[in-house]
């Protein structure tokens, strides 16, 4: 079965959110490094926090999209049987 456009759009959005979280937290760490002269430790920490948080959200959202698609496919199969 082919994924719907909604599904493709959802995954594209989730990917952008993941990348955005990494970039935002990296630059926050970079700015804090400049303030506290701790270069590169807070930049690295920020990137890791962004990656972990973004990936956690990505996985949760992907599971929800998959479950929604499964429900829709089951509904179509049940309607087709009738």
Protein backbone atom coordinates (compact mmCIF):
# COMPACT_ATOMS: atom_id res chain seq x y z
CA UNK A 1 0.00 0.00 0.00
CA UNK A 2 1.23 3.45 -0.91
CA UNK A 3 1.46 6.13 1.82
CA UNK A 4 -0.90 9.07 1.51
CA UNK A 5 0.22 12.64 0.90
CA UNK A 6 -0.75 13.46 4.47
CA UNK A 7 1.67 10.82 5.69
CA UNK A 8 4.49 12.08 3.47
CA UNK A 9 3.84 15.64 4.61
CA UNK A 10 3.83 14.53 8.25
CA UNK A 11 7.22 12.85 7.89
CA UNK A 12 8.67 15.87 6.09
CA UNK A 13 7.48 18.13 8.89
CA UNK A 14 8.89 15.79 11.52
CA UNK A 15 12.28 15.77 9.80
CA UNK A 16 12.38 19.54 9.71
CA UNK A 17 11.44 19.70 13.39
CA UNK A 18 14.26 17.31 14.25
CA UNK A 19 16.80 19.34 12.31
CA UNK A 20 15.46 22.58 13.78
CA UNK A 21 15.79 21.29 17.35
CA UNK A 22 19.43 20.31 16.78
CA UNK A 23 20.29 23.65 15.16
CA UNK A 24 18.52 25.79 17.76
CA UNK A 25 20.06 23.99 20.73
CA UNK A 26 23.50 23.98 19.10
CA UNK A 27 23.41 27.75 18.61
CA UNK A 28 22.10 28.26 22.13
CA UNK A 29 25.09 26.28 23.38
CA UNK A 30 27.38 28.24 21.06
CA UNK A 31 26.09 31.52 22.48
CA UNK A 32 26.51 30.26 26.04
CA UNK A 33 30.06 29.12 25.18
CA UNK A 34 30.85 32.67 24.09
CA UNK A 35 29.39 34.12 27.30
CA UNK A 36 31.14 31.73 29.68
CA UNK A 37 34.30 30.87 27.66
CA UNK A 38 33.56 27.13 27.78
CA UNK A 39 34.04 26.47 24.06
CA UNK A 40 33.12 23.83 22.68
CA UNK A 41 31.42 22.01 25.56
CA UNK A 42 28.09 23.80 25.67
CA UNK A 43 27.79 23.72 21.86
CA UNK A 44 28.24 19.96 21.92
CA UNK A 45 25.86 19.59 24.87
CA UNK A 46 23.26 21.72 23.11
CA UNK A 47 23.51 19.67 19.92
CA UNK A 48 23.14 16.42 21.89
CA UNK A 49 20.13 17.74 23.84
CA UNK A 50 18.54 18.92 20.58
CA UNK A 51 19.19 15.57 18.91
CA UNK A 52 17.78 13.53 21.81
CA UNK A 53 14.73 15.74 22.22
CA UNK A 54 14.10 15.97 18.49
CA UNK A 55 14.50 12.24 17.99
CA UNK A 56 12.17 11.48 20.88
CA UNK A 57 9.49 13.69 19.33
CA UNK A 58 10.17 12.22 15.87
CA UNK A 59 9.69 8.66 17.11
CA UNK A 60 6.50 9.50 19.02
CA UNK A 61 5.02 11.33 16.04
CA UNK A 62 6.04 8.56 13.61
CA UNK A 63 4.32 5.97 15.79
CA UNK A 64 1.15 8.08 15.87
CA UNK A 65 1.19 8.52 12.08
CA UNK A 66 1.73 4.79 11.62
CA UNK A 67 -1.13 3.96 13.95
CA UNK A 68 -3.41 6.43 12.14
CA UNK A 69 -2.52 4.91 8.77
CA UNK A 70 -3.16 1.41 10.12
CA UNK A 71 -6.61 2.46 11.37
CA UNK A 72 -7.44 4.06 8.02
CA UNK A 73 -6.26 0.98 6.09
CA UNK A 74 -8.30 -1.32 8.33
CA UNK A 75 -11.35 0.91 7.84
CA UNK A 76 -10.91 0.77 4.04
CA UNK A 77 -10.53 -3.03 4.13
CA UNK A 78 -13.64 -3.38 6.25
CA UNK A 79 -15.63 -1.11 3.93
CA UNK A 80 -14.38 -3.01 0.89
CA UNK A 81 -15.53 -6.34 2.35
CA UNK A 82 -19.10 -5.12 2.72
